[in-house]
Amino acid sequence: MTYKALYLSPMIPSFNLSETSGFFKDILNFSPVIENEAYIICQKDNLNIHILPAGNDIGQMEFYLEVDNVDDLWYSIKDKLSGLKFKEPFNQGYGMREIHICIPHTNTLLFIGQRLS
């Protein structure tokens, strides 16, 4: 079977959909595509994030957002992360510079990275 994969969109279970979507909209500049009390899709460039209500027990999720300039992004968002768990930009041994942020009202860790030259 041959096909062209167009996008891969993470689906994040949240205990508070509006707060979680606010993180993507207010901090990372995603725009809502669909937004109601049961389901939210936010988009930036060609990326989509689906946010849905969480059940009682959800396992930890992690996903990676690769960007072109992690330090510029850091300076534009660092003052908006009050109350969130995060790691400031640092270099990884595998050749990436990364920021780590726990997405609010989820059990999800967001890695934001850029390849080191």
Protein backbone atom coordinates (compact mmCIF):
# COMPACT_ATOMS: atom_id res chain seq x y z
CA MET A 1 0.00 0.00 0.00
CA THR A 2 1.35 3.40 -1.00
CA TYR A 3 -0.02 6.63 0.39
CA LYS A 4 1.10 10.12 1.30
CA ALA A 5 0.96 10.94 5.00
CA LEU A 6 -0.19 14.54 5.38
CA TYR A 7 -0.12 15.27 9.11
CA LEU A 8 0.18 13.58 12.47
CA SER A 9 -1.85 15.40 15.13
CA PRO A 10 -1.52 14.61 18.84
CA MET A 11 -4.73 14.18 20.84
CA ILE A 12 -4.26 15.37 24.42
CA PRO A 13 -6.69 14.38 27.19
CA SER A 14 -7.30 17.35 29.50
CA PHE A 15 -9.03 17.82 32.85
CA ASN A 16 -9.77 21.46 31.89
CA LEU A 17 -10.16 22.00 28.15
CA SER A 18 -10.29 25.80 28.24
CA GLU A 19 -7.12 26.11 30.37
CA THR A 20 -5.24 23.63 28.22
CA SER A 21 -6.30 25.31 24.97
CA GLY A 22 -5.38 28.66 26.55
CA PHE A 23 -1.82 27.38 26.95
CA PHE A 24 -1.59 26.68 23.23
CA LYS A 25 -3.37 29.90 22.21
CA ASP A 26 -1.86 32.38 24.70
CA ILE A 27 1.67 31.02 25.00
CA LEU A 28 2.41 29.24 21.71
CA ASN A 29 0.13 31.35 19.42
CA PHE A 30 -2.04 28.51 18.11
CA SER A 31 -5.47 29.49 16.77
CA PRO A 32 -8.72 27.63 17.49
CA VAL A 33 -10.19 25.73 14.55
CA ILE A 34 -12.95 23.96 16.48
CA GLU A 35 -13.79 24.99 20.03
CA ASN A 36 -16.67 23.73 22.12
CA GLU A 37 -17.15 22.26 25.59
CA ALA A 38 -16.41 18.72 24.40
CA TYR A 39 -13.57 19.08 21.90
CA ILE A 40 -11.02 21.65 20.77
CA ILE A 41 -8.64 21.71 17.83
CA CYS A 42 -5.93 24.38 17.73
CA GLN A 43 -3.65 25.04 14.76
CA LYS A 44 -0.37 26.79 14.01
CA ASP A 45 1.16 26.68 10.56
CA ASN A 46 0.57 23.07 9.44
CA LEU A 47 0.29 21.64 12.97
CA ASN A 48 -2.91 20.63 14.77
CA ILE A 49 -3.44 19.77 18.42
CA HIS A 50 -6.66 18.02 19.45
CA ILE A 51 -7.75 18.53 23.07
CA LEU A 52 -10.43 16.25 24.50
CA PRO A 53 -11.87 15.50 27.95
CA ALA A 54 -9.72 13.17 30.04
CA GLY A 55 -11.03 10.03 31.67
CA ASN A 56 -10.22 9.14 35.28
CA ASP A 57 -6.86 7.52 34.62
CA ILE A 58 -4.64 8.75 31.84
CA GLY A 59 -1.06 7.75 31.32
CA GLN A 60 1.67 10.25 30.73
CA MET A 61 2.01 11.54 27.20
CA GLU A 62 4.96 13.29 25.63
CA PHE A 63 5.39 14.95 22.29
CA TYR A 64 8.06 16.93 20.52
CA LEU A 65 7.68 20.26 18.73
CA GLU A 66 10.73 21.10 16.62
CA VAL A 67 11.20 24.82 15.94
CA ASP A 68 13.66 26.97 14.02
CA ASN A 69 14.84 29.11 16.98
CA VAL A 70 14.23 27.75 20.47
CA ASP A 71 15.95 30.67 22.23
CA ASP A 72 13.79 33.32 20.53
CA LEU A 73 10.70 31.29 21.40
CA TRP A 74 11.91 31.00 25.01
CA TYR A 75 12.30 34.78 25.37
CA SER A 76 8.81 35.33 24.01
CA ILE A 77 7.09 32.80 26.33
CA LYS A 78 9.14 32.64 29.56
CA ASP A 79 7.11 35.33 31.34
CA LYS A 80 3.86 33.51 30.50
CA LEU A 81 4.81 30.25 32.24
CA SER A 82 4.05 31.30 35.81
CA GLY A 83 2.67 28.36 37.77
CA LEU A 84 3.79 25.76 35.22
CA LYS A 85 6.59 23.24 35.57
CA PHE A 86 9.28 23.82 32.94
CA LYS A 87 12.98 23.59 32.14
CA GLU A 88 14.70 26.57 30.55
CA PRO A 89 16.60 25.97 27.28
CA PHE A 90 19.47 23.52 27.61
CA ASN A 91 21.60 21.42 25.28
CA GLN A 92 21.03 17.68 25.06
CA GLY A 93 23.81 15.18 24.34
CA TYR A 94 21.93 14.01 21.25
CA GLY A 95 22.34 17.34 19.44
CA MET A 96 19.18 19.25 20.35
CA ARG A 97 18.60 22.44 22.36
CA GLU A 98 15.35 22.00 24.27
CA ILE A 99 12.71 23.53 26.51
CA HIS A 100 10.47 21.19 28.53
CA ILE A 101 7.00 22.32 29.66
CA CYS A 102 4.27 20.41 31.49
CA ILE A 103 1.03 21.26 29.67
CA PRO A 104 -1.57 22.53 32.19
CA HIS A 105 -4.40 20.24 33.32
CA THR A 106 -2.95 17.25 31.47
CA ASN A 107 -0.43 14.53 32.10
CA THR A 108 1.58 15.67 29.07
CA LEU A 109 5.16 16.83 28.73
CA LEU A 110 5.93 19.10 25.76
CA PHE A 111 9.47 19.03 24.42
CA ILE A 112 10.32 22.04 22.25
CA GLY A 113 13.63 21.69 20.45
CA GLN A 114 16.01 22.90 17.80
CA ARG A 115 18.89 21.03 16.20
CA LEU A 116 22.28 22.27 17.33
CA SER A 117 24.60 23.33 14.53
